[in-house]
Every structure is written in structure tokens, then in C-alpha cells.
Amino acid sequence: MFNDIGPDGGELIAKALHKNRTLKHLRMTGNKIENKGGMFFAAMLQINSSLEKLDLGDCDLGMQSVIAFATVLTQNQTIKGLNLNRPILYGEQEESTVHLSHMLKENQCLIELHICKHDIKNCGMKQLCDALYLNRSLQYLDVSCNKITQDGMKYLADVLKSNTTLEVIDLSFNRMENAGANYLSDALASHNRTLKALSVVSNNIEGKGLVALSQSMETNPTLSHIYIWGNKFDGATCVAYSDLIHTGRLKPDNTDVEPFVVDGHVYLAEVSNGLKRHYYWTPGYGEACSPSSNAGFSLAPVSRSRIQPAVSCCSDSLHNVLSAWMNTSFPISILHVSGSLELSLPNTHVGKTQSLLQYSSVFTIAYILSCNHSYLLRFLVSRTRL
């Protein structure tokens, strides 16, 4: 991720994958391979039969390469997750959405699709929803940061009344307003029993729409995660979500708000939870081994019965800070270059983390500031004898 790889580098990587039969997950996020590099990756998917998850978000893909991916995936039956966020598109015809919708009608293997910042409007949303009536594999749909209004939400609500595969929908930073929230609430309250997580962050929803969503959770036993920050909270909204949390219907870790009381009035504060808190194919909700974690599409953790002493980090400077803090000289290995890291520690180091975090089999979350970046540390501590 973000390694300044350009179109020529993208071509080399894509061609190398023609013969590779072992790589399953590739994240190219932030490397500006542009339309040229994207075309080589699309061509690669016609040959490669092992790659399951491909992230080309923020790679400056063009319309031609987005259409090429949509075309190839009508035949490819191995790709399970695809991120095409923020391509460079021109025009108002939503041509890319038309092709992606056609792909969803044909493809019955894709589990997770991210098409954030595709300039999708209501017409494009209708195309996607028409495809979702026929698709029986997609579990995670990300259409955040688009221009979908209440009319588009009505199309989606109609789909949710019959669709039995979608488990996670990210609608953040659209324009649904109260009417759109009401459409979704009706579908969730009366029909849908498969959706587990919904994000409506920053959708210009006011109190009535937010309360309607909270009421749908009272009758819907399946919806367990909801994210609402960035909308217009009134007193009724604050009370409604406070009640959901205090009664146990909504777990504090499963939403991005936390109630507090001042002078007898309930308010909601933002907390740092969300679908993308660990990026999209590590668990954004649920336990790592749970089949419902991010639509069952998370990387399963390596067995912790024998954890070897190791420090995995994203920068040498951060490693120096951690080594001094831990007073250890564990070997360095790069776990993933995404701004987050994991420390695998033997039992003898549990005491060093207890002062920061509550004891559990998985310690989360502590922050360390290094090189002007905030790094998320997840402490994985074995309870078995090494």
C-alpha cells in the first residue's frame, strides 16, 4: 500500500501473477497504477485462478479499466473480494455502474464489493439493485461516498425485502435524509432477517429517521451493528440509542456512539468504531473466527497455541520505540503495511500490557505516536505455555 508504484510497476506485478499459483490476497491501495496498470490487472484475472481478494482502491483507475474488471468478473469464479474505490471517472452517465451491475447479475462468486466514490446517483443505484435481485453471493456492499438520495434508498429497501445474502451495507456519506432512513427501517423491521451491519454515517438524517432505525432494531433480531454518527441528533434520538445500549440490544462495540448524561439530559458522543476500523477484510465487527465477521470474509488468525516471540511493525522508528518500551530484542517482520501492526507476546510480557489494557485473550486498543502517525497496536497474548 502507498509504495509509489506507477503504471509500469503495476504492469510488472500483474504479469508476474500470470504464473503465480499461491498468492491469494493482494492490496495495491494508493499506488497510482492508473488506467494502464488497471488494464493489466484485469487481463491477469482472465488467467490467474488463485487470487481471491484484490484491492485497487485509490489507484486512479480509469473508466476503461473499471469496465474491464466488470467484464472479466462475469467469467472469473475465484475472486471473492474486490475494491475499486475512487477511480478517475468522467461524465454523468454512470457507465461504470451499468457494467458492474451486469457483472453482479452473472457472477455468483463475489462476496465483497467496494465501489466507494464512484459518483453513483439514484439511476446507478437502481441498476445495482436490479442486479441484487438476481445475485445470490454478495454479502458486503460498500457504496459509501456517493450521491444516492432517498429515491435510491427506496430501491435498496425493496431489495432488502427479498434478498437473503447481504449481511453488511455501507451507505456512509450519501444523501438519504429522513425519507431514505424510513424506507430502510420499514424493510428491516418487517421483512429482512439477514442484514447484520448497516452504516448510515453522515446522511443528513434527522431525529425521526434515526429513531425509526432504532425502532427497527427492536423487532429485527439479526441487525446487530449500526453506525449513525454525523447525522442530526435530537433528544429523542439520544434517548432511543441510549436505551438500545443500556438494555443490551445494541452492544457498545457495535456502534459509533456512546450515551452520556449532563444535567439530566442524554447526549451521544462519537466513539471510534465503524465498519472500516480494521479495514475491510480484517474483522470490522464480530470475532475474528466468527462466520459473521465482515460477512464471513475476514482473515482467520494464525493458531495461537504456539506463539513465537516476534514484533511486527510498519517502520524502523516505531520498532525502536516499542523495543525500548518492551525491553526486548525480538526479531522484526513486516505483518502488513497499512498503518497498523500486531505484537505477538509470550505470557511473560502480559504484565507490560495490563497497565494499558484490560486482560483478555485479545488485547485492544492502545495508541503510540511515532513519526507523526498514530499506529494501532493489537496485543495478541497466548494463554498457553510456550
Protein backbone atom coordinates (compact mmCIF):
# COMPACT_ATOMS: atom_id res chain seq x y z
CA MET A 1 0.00 0.00 0.00
CA PHE A 2 1.13 3.55 -0.85
CA ASN A 3 4.52 2.48 -2.20
CA ASP A 4 4.59 4.91 -5.13
CA ILE A 5 4.11 2.13 -7.66
CA GLY A 6 3.12 3.56 -11.03
CA PRO A 7 1.62 2.11 -14.23
CA ASP A 8 4.84 0.34 -15.25
CA GLY A 9 5.25 -1.25 -11.83
CA GLY A 10 1.62 -2.30 -11.91
CA GLU A 11 2.22 -3.96 -15.26
CA LEU A 12 5.16 -5.95 -13.88
CA ILE A 13 3.19 -7.13 -10.84
CA ALA A 14 0.17 -8.09 -12.93
CA LYS A 15 2.28 -10.07 -15.39
CA ALA A 16 4.06 -11.87 -12.56
CA LEU A 17 0.65 -13.04 -11.33
CA HIS A 18 0.01 -14.79 -14.65
CA LYS A 19 2.15 -17.68 -13.42
CA ASN A 20 1.71 -17.37 -9.68
CA ARG A 21 -0.49 -20.04 -8.12
CA THR A 22 -0.08 -19.31 -4.41
CA LEU A 23 -0.90 -15.63 -3.74
CA LYS A 24 -4.46 -15.21 -2.52
CA HIS A 25 -4.64 -11.62 -1.25
CA LEU A 26 -3.14 -8.51 -2.87
CA ARG A 27 -3.56 -4.94 -1.65
CA MET A 28 -2.33 -2.24 -4.05
CA THR A 29 -4.16 0.59 -2.29
CA GLY A 30 -2.84 4.07 -3.02
CA ASN A 31 -0.41 3.07 -5.76
CA LYS A 32 -1.22 5.17 -8.82
CA ILE A 33 -1.16 2.45 -11.43
CA GLU A 34 -3.82 4.40 -13.35
CA ASN A 35 -5.81 3.06 -16.26
CA LYS A 36 -2.82 1.36 -17.91
CA GLY A 37 -1.92 -0.66 -14.84
CA GLY A 38 -5.57 -1.45 -14.18
CA MET A 39 -5.95 -2.95 -17.64
CA PHE A 40 -3.04 -5.31 -16.98
CA PHE A 41 -4.62 -6.42 -13.70
CA ALA A 42 -7.94 -7.04 -15.44
CA ALA A 43 -6.18 -9.11 -18.08
CA MET A 44 -4.39 -11.04 -15.34
CA LEU A 45 -7.73 -12.11 -13.85
CA GLN A 46 -8.50 -13.92 -17.09
CA ILE A 47 -5.52 -16.20 -16.44
CA ASN A 48 -4.91 -16.32 -12.69
CA SER A 49 -7.06 -18.82 -10.82
CA SER A 50 -5.73 -18.47 -7.27
CA LEU A 51 -6.17 -14.79 -6.31
CA GLU A 52 -9.22 -14.33 -4.09
CA LYS A 53 -9.01 -10.75 -2.81
CA LEU A 54 -7.80 -7.76 -4.82
CA ASP A 55 -7.63 -4.20 -3.53
CA LEU A 56 -7.15 -1.48 -6.15
CA GLY A 57 -8.69 1.35 -4.15
CA ASP A 58 -7.27 4.84 -4.70
CA CYS A 59 -5.18 3.63 -7.63
CA ASP A 60 -6.52 6.22 -10.11
CA LEU A 61 -8.15 3.58 -12.29
CA GLY A 62 -9.93 4.91 -15.35
CA MET A 63 -13.32 4.12 -16.83
CA GLN A 64 -11.80 1.67 -19.30
CA SER A 65 -10.15 -0.44 -16.61
CA VAL A 66 -13.24 -0.42 -14.36
CA ILE A 67 -15.31 -1.71 -17.26
CA ALA A 68 -12.61 -4.29 -17.98
CA PHE A 69 -12.83 -5.61 -14.41
CA ALA A 70 -16.62 -5.80 -14.65
CA THR A 71 -16.34 -7.72 -17.92
CA VAL A 72 -13.70 -10.17 -16.67
CA LEU A 73 -15.63 -10.92 -13.48
CA THR A 74 -18.61 -12.18 -15.44
CA GLN A 75 -16.39 -15.23 -16.07
CA ASN A 76 -13.87 -15.27 -13.21
CA GLN A 77 -15.08 -17.54 -10.41
CA THR A 78 -12.23 -17.21 -7.91
CA ILE A 79 -12.23 -13.54 -6.89
CA LYS A 80 -14.24 -13.17 -3.69
CA GLY A 81 -13.39 -9.59 -2.73
CA LEU A 82 -12.77 -6.55 -4.93
CA ASN A 83 -12.04 -2.93 -4.03
CA LEU A 84 -12.37 -0.41 -6.87
CA ASN A 85 -12.72 2.68 -4.68
CA ARG A 86 -12.16 6.16 -6.10
CA PRO A 87 -11.49 5.66 -9.79
CA ILE A 88 -10.97 8.67 -12.04
CA LEU A 89 -14.26 8.85 -13.93
CA TYR A 90 -15.59 11.47 -16.29
CA GLY A 91 -19.13 12.06 -17.50
CA GLU A 92 -22.56 11.80 -15.92
CA GLN A 93 -23.81 8.57 -17.49
CA GLU A 94 -22.75 6.21 -14.66
CA GLU A 95 -21.34 3.87 -17.27
CA SER A 96 -19.15 2.03 -14.77
CA THR A 97 -22.14 1.29 -12.56
CA VAL A 98 -24.06 -0.14 -15.50
CA HIS A 99 -21.24 -2.59 -16.24
CA LEU A 100 -20.73 -3.53 -12.59
CA SER A 101 -24.45 -4.19 -12.28
CA HIS A 102 -24.35 -6.50 -15.26
CA MET A 103 -21.41 -8.31 -13.66
CA LEU A 104 -23.38 -8.86 -10.44
CA LYS A 105 -26.16 -10.49 -12.43
CA GLU A 106 -23.72 -13.03 -13.88
CA ASN A 107 -21.19 -13.53 -11.09
CA GLN A 108 -22.17 -15.88 -8.27
CA CYS A 109 -18.80 -15.98 -6.52
CA LEU A 110 -18.06 -12.40 -5.44
CA ILE A 111 -18.71 -11.90 -1.72
CA GLU A 112 -17.46 -8.37 -1.11
CA LEU A 113 -17.56 -5.31 -3.41
CA HIS A 114 -16.32 -1.80 -2.62
CA ILE A 115 -17.32 0.95 -5.04
CA CYS A 116 -16.86 4.00 -2.87
CA LYS A 117 -16.57 7.37 -4.66
CA HIS A 118 -17.97 6.18 -7.98
CA ASP A 119 -20.31 9.16 -8.32
CA ILE A 120 -23.28 6.78 -8.11
CA LYS A 121 -26.65 8.52 -8.21
CA ASN A 122 -30.18 7.16 -8.00
CA CYS A 123 -30.15 5.81 -11.54
CA GLY A 124 -26.97 3.87 -10.86
CA MET A 125 -28.36 2.62 -7.56
CA LYS A 126 -31.41 1.30 -9.39
CA GLN A 127 -29.11 -0.60 -11.75
CA LEU A 128 -27.27 -2.14 -8.80
CA CYS A 129 -30.50 -3.06 -7.03
CA ASP A 130 -31.90 -4.70 -10.15
CA ALA A 131 -28.78 -6.87 -10.18
CA LEU A 132 -29.08 -7.69 -6.48
CA TYR A 133 -32.47 -9.30 -7.09
CA LEU A 134 -30.61 -11.94 -9.12
CA ASN A 135 -27.31 -12.13 -7.25
CA ARG A 136 -27.04 -14.82 -4.58
CA SER A 137 -23.44 -14.43 -3.41
CA LEU A 138 -22.72 -10.81 -2.47
CA GLN A 139 -22.63 -10.33 1.29
CA TYR A 140 -20.82 -7.00 1.72
CA LEU A 141 -21.71 -3.97 -0.41
CA ASP A 142 -19.89 -0.66 0.05
CA VAL A 143 -21.43 2.27 -1.83
CA SER A 144 -20.27 4.96 0.59
CA CYS A 145 -19.28 8.46 -0.52
CA ASN A 146 -21.65 8.62 -3.48
CA LYS A 147 -24.69 10.76 -4.33
CA ILE A 148 -27.55 8.42 -3.50
CA THR A 149 -30.69 10.11 -2.17
CA GLN A 150 -33.99 8.86 -0.75
CA ASP A 151 -35.11 7.50 -4.13
CA GLY A 152 -32.06 5.26 -4.33
CA MET A 153 -32.71 4.08 -0.78
CA LYS A 154 -36.23 3.08 -1.79
CA TYR A 155 -34.77 0.78 -4.45
CA LEU A 156 -32.42 -0.73 -1.87
CA ALA A 157 -35.20 -1.15 0.69
CA ASP A 158 -37.24 -3.09 -1.85
CA VAL A 159 -34.25 -5.37 -2.47
CA LEU A 160 -33.81 -5.99 1.26
CA LYS A 161 -37.36 -7.28 1.48
CA SER A 162 -36.40 -10.32 -0.59
CA ASN A 163 -32.58 -10.55 -0.62
CA THR A 164 -31.24 -13.19 1.78
CA THR A 165 -27.48 -12.86 1.26
CA LEU A 166 -26.50 -9.26 2.02
CA GLU A 167 -25.09 -9.01 5.55
CA VAL A 168 -23.15 -5.72 5.52
CA ILE A 169 -24.10 -2.49 3.74
CA ASP A 170 -22.08 0.71 3.94
CA LEU A 171 -24.14 3.75 2.91
CA SER A 172 -21.98 6.34 4.67
CA PHE A 173 -21.70 9.83 3.22
CA ASN A 174 -24.70 9.73 0.91
CA ARG A 175 -27.88 11.83 0.99
CA MET A 176 -30.70 9.58 2.17
CA GLU A 177 -32.25 12.01 4.71
CA ASN A 178 -35.31 11.03 6.79
CA ALA A 179 -37.30 9.54 3.94
CA GLY A 180 -34.48 7.19 2.93
CA ALA A 181 -33.97 6.11 6.54
CA ASN A 182 -37.68 5.38 6.85
CA TYR A 183 -37.63 3.19 3.72
CA LEU A 184 -34.76 1.15 5.16
CA SER A 185 -36.38 0.96 8.60
CA ASP A 186 -39.60 -0.46 7.20
CA ALA A 187 -37.74 -3.16 5.28
CA LEU A 188 -35.59 -4.09 8.27
CA ALA A 189 -38.46 -4.13 10.74
CA SER A 190 -40.90 -6.21 8.72
CA HIS A 191 -39.04 -8.26 6.14
CA ASN A 192 -35.26 -8.58 6.22
CA ARG A 193 -33.67 -11.03 8.65
CA THR A 194 -30.18 -11.40 7.19
CA LEU A 195 -28.56 -7.95 7.36
CA LYS A 196 -26.14 -7.76 10.30
CA ALA A 197 -24.41 -4.40 9.90
CA LEU A 198 -25.57 -1.06 8.49
CA SER A 199 -23.68 2.23 8.28
CA VAL A 200 -25.63 5.42 7.58
CA VAL A 201 -22.95 7.84 8.79
CA SER A 202 -23.33 11.44 7.55
CA ASN A 203 -26.54 11.09 5.54
CA ASN A 204 -28.33 14.24 6.72
CA ILE A 205 -30.79 12.12 8.72
CA GLU A 206 -32.73 13.92 11.44
CA GLY A 207 -34.37 12.66 14.62
CA LYS A 208 -37.39 10.94 13.08
CA GLY A 209 -35.33 8.90 10.66
CA LEU A 210 -32.78 7.90 13.29
CA VAL A 211 -35.48 6.90 15.76
CA ALA A 212 -37.15 4.81 13.05
CA LEU A 213 -33.87 2.93 12.53
CA SER A 214 -33.57 2.33 16.27
CA GLN A 215 -37.14 1.02 16.39
CA SER A 216 -36.39 -1.42 13.57
CA MET A 217 -33.73 -2.99 15.80
CA GLU A 218 -36.37 -3.71 18.43
CA THR A 219 -38.23 -6.03 16.07
CA ASN A 220 -35.30 -7.22 13.96
CA PRO A 221 -33.24 -9.79 15.89
CA THR A 222 -30.47 -10.03 13.28
CA LEU A 223 -29.27 -6.46 12.82
CA SER A 224 -26.56 -6.14 15.45
CA HIS A 225 -24.31 -3.30 14.23
CA ILE A 226 -25.42 0.20 13.28
CA TYR A 227 -23.34 3.33 12.73
CA ILE A 228 -25.10 6.72 12.76
CA TRP A 229 -22.59 9.45 13.62
CA GLY A 230 -22.59 12.61 11.51
CA ASN A 231 -26.38 12.96 11.37
CA LYS A 232 -28.65 15.38 13.23
CA PHE A 233 -29.33 14.09 16.73
CA ASP A 234 -32.23 15.39 18.78
CA GLY A 235 -33.33 14.43 22.28
CA ALA A 236 -35.47 11.52 21.11
CA THR A 237 -32.57 10.10 19.08
CA CYS A 238 -30.21 10.24 22.04
CA VAL A 239 -32.72 8.52 24.32
CA ALA A 240 -33.56 5.85 21.73
CA TYR A 241 -29.96 4.75 21.19
CA SER A 242 -29.14 5.07 24.86
CA ASP A 243 -31.98 2.66 25.60
CA LEU A 244 -30.75 0.21 22.95
CA ILE A 245 -27.30 0.18 24.51
CA HIS A 246 -28.38 0.02 28.14
CA THR A 247 -30.86 -2.80 27.52
CA GLY A 248 -28.16 -4.82 25.75
CA ARG A 249 -29.90 -4.83 22.38
CA LEU A 250 -27.00 -2.85 20.91
CA LYS A 251 -23.54 -3.63 22.25
CA PRO A 252 -21.27 -0.62 22.83
CA ASP A 253 -18.64 -2.03 20.46
CA ASN A 254 -21.22 -2.42 17.71
CA THR A 255 -21.99 1.25 17.17
CA ASP A 256 -20.12 4.53 16.82
CA VAL A 257 -21.98 6.45 19.54
CA GLU A 258 -21.89 6.35 23.32
CA PRO A 259 -24.54 7.92 25.59
CA PHE A 260 -23.71 10.27 28.44
CA VAL A 261 -25.87 12.41 30.72
CA VAL A 262 -25.47 16.11 31.55
CA ASP A 263 -27.95 17.82 33.88
CA GLY A 264 -30.45 15.04 33.37
CA HIS A 265 -30.31 15.18 29.56
CA VAL A 266 -29.00 12.31 27.43
CA TYR A 267 -26.47 13.06 24.69
CA LEU A 268 -24.47 10.92 22.28
CA ALA A 269 -20.71 11.12 21.84
CA GLU A 270 -18.71 9.67 18.97
CA VAL A 271 -16.56 6.60 19.57
CA SER A 272 -14.01 5.16 17.16
CA ASN A 273 -15.95 2.14 15.97
CA GLY A 274 -17.03 1.54 12.41
CA LEU A 275 -17.08 -0.90 9.53
CA LYS A 276 -13.65 0.21 8.35
CA ARG A 277 -11.93 0.40 11.70
CA HIS A 278 -9.66 -2.56 10.78
CA TYR A 279 -10.02 -2.14 7.02
CA TYR A 280 -12.42 -4.30 5.17
CA TRP A 281 -11.07 -7.80 5.14
CA THR A 282 -9.96 -7.93 8.71
CA PRO A 283 -12.86 -8.13 11.13
CA GLY A 284 -14.71 -4.84 11.19
CA TYR A 285 -17.21 -6.39 13.54
CA GLY A 286 -17.63 -9.64 15.39
CA GLU A 287 -14.93 -12.08 16.45
CA ALA A 288 -12.14 -12.95 14.05
CA CYS A 289 -13.23 -16.58 13.75
CA SER A 290 -16.92 -15.83 13.54
CA PRO A 291 -18.57 -16.58 10.18
CA SER A 292 -20.45 -13.29 10.51
CA SER A 293 -17.34 -11.12 10.85
CA ASN A 294 -17.42 -8.75 7.89
CA ALA A 295 -19.78 -11.07 6.11
CA GLY A 296 -17.63 -14.06 6.97
CA PHE A 297 -14.86 -12.66 4.81
CA SER A 298 -12.16 -11.95 7.37
CA LEU A 299 -8.70 -13.41 7.52
CA ALA A 300 -8.68 -16.18 10.12
CA PRO A 301 -5.96 -15.65 12.73
CA VAL A 302 -2.98 -17.98 12.87
CA SER A 303 -3.27 -20.57 15.61
CA ARG A 304 -2.03 -19.11 18.88
CA SER A 305 -1.24 -22.39 20.61
CA ARG A 306 2.44 -21.72 19.99
CA ILE A 307 3.17 -18.02 19.61
CA GLN A 308 6.77 -17.27 18.69
CA PRO A 309 8.36 -14.11 20.12
CA ALA A 310 8.16 -11.55 17.34
CA VAL A 311 7.48 -7.90 16.80
CA SER A 312 5.74 -6.96 13.57
CA CYS A 313 5.73 -3.31 12.74
CA CYS A 314 5.42 -0.74 10.00
CA SER A 315 8.55 1.34 10.49
CA ASP A 316 12.02 1.06 11.98
CA SER A 317 11.44 4.14 14.11
CA LEU A 318 8.29 2.65 15.61
CA HIS A 319 10.13 -0.59 16.28
CA ASN A 320 12.80 1.32 18.20
CA VAL A 321 10.11 2.91 20.37
CA LEU A 322 8.47 -0.46 21.04
CA SER A 323 11.75 -2.26 21.69
CA ALA A 324 12.70 0.27 24.32
CA TRP A 325 9.24 0.05 25.89
CA MET A 326 9.18 -3.74 25.89
CA ASN A 327 12.90 -4.00 26.78
CA THR A 328 13.27 -6.79 24.28
CA SER A 329 15.11 -7.55 21.08
CA PHE A 330 12.57 -9.67 19.27
CA PRO A 331 13.22 -10.01 15.51
CA ILE A 332 11.36 -7.69 13.17
CA SER A 333 8.96 -8.91 10.49
CA ILE A 334 6.54 -6.88 8.41
CA LEU A 335 2.99 -8.02 9.09
CA HIS A 336 1.17 -5.59 6.83
CA VAL A 337 1.92 -2.10 5.60
CA SER A 338 -1.39 -0.47 6.42
CA GLY A 339 -0.64 1.76 9.39
CA SER A 340 -1.44 -1.00 11.87
CA LEU A 341 0.59 -3.76 13.43
CA GLU A 342 0.38 -6.72 15.74
CA LEU A 343 2.64 -7.76 18.61
CA SER A 344 2.73 -11.46 19.44
CA LEU A 345 3.96 -11.79 23.01
CA PRO A 346 4.65 -14.71 25.38
CA ASN A 347 2.94 -14.87 28.74
CA THR A 348 5.93 -13.27 30.44
CA HIS A 349 5.04 -9.95 28.83
CA VAL A 350 1.41 -9.86 29.87
CA GLY A 351 2.25 -7.56 32.76
CA LYS A 352 3.62 -4.93 30.41
CA THR A 353 0.26 -4.60 28.73
CA GLN A 354 -2.04 -4.92 31.73
CA SER A 355 -1.39 -1.33 32.75
CA LEU A 356 -2.80 -0.20 29.41
CA LEU A 357 -5.49 -2.67 28.57
CA GLN A 358 -8.00 -4.92 30.25
CA TYR A 359 -6.84 -8.52 30.36
CA SER A 360 -8.36 -10.76 27.70
CA SER A 361 -7.18 -13.23 25.09
CA VAL A 362 -7.01 -10.37 22.60
CA PHE A 363 -5.84 -7.00 23.90
CA THR A 364 -7.12 -3.95 22.03
CA ILE A 365 -6.61 -0.94 21.67
CA ALA A 366 -3.55 1.19 22.52
CA TYR A 367 -2.06 4.03 20.55
CA ILE A 368 1.57 5.06 20.11
CA LEU A 369 2.60 8.18 18.25
CA SER A 370 5.65 7.84 16.04
CA CYS A 371 6.78 9.82 13.00
CA ASN A 372 3.62 11.91 13.18
CA HIS A 373 1.42 8.86 12.59
CA SER A 374 -0.92 7.12 15.01
CA TYR A 375 -0.37 3.37 14.93
CA LEU A 376 -2.97 0.93 16.21
CA LEU A 377 -1.49 -1.82 18.30
CA ARG A 378 -3.26 -5.11 18.82
CA PHE A 379 -1.69 -7.25 21.52
CA LEU A 380 -2.20 -10.96 20.95
CA VAL A 381 -1.27 -12.79 24.16
CA SER A 382 -1.10 -16.55 24.39
CA ARG A 383 -2.60 -18.13 27.49
CA THR A 384 -0.92 -21.45 26.76
CA ARG A 385 2.55 -22.48 27.87
CA LEU A 386 5.22 -21.75 25.27
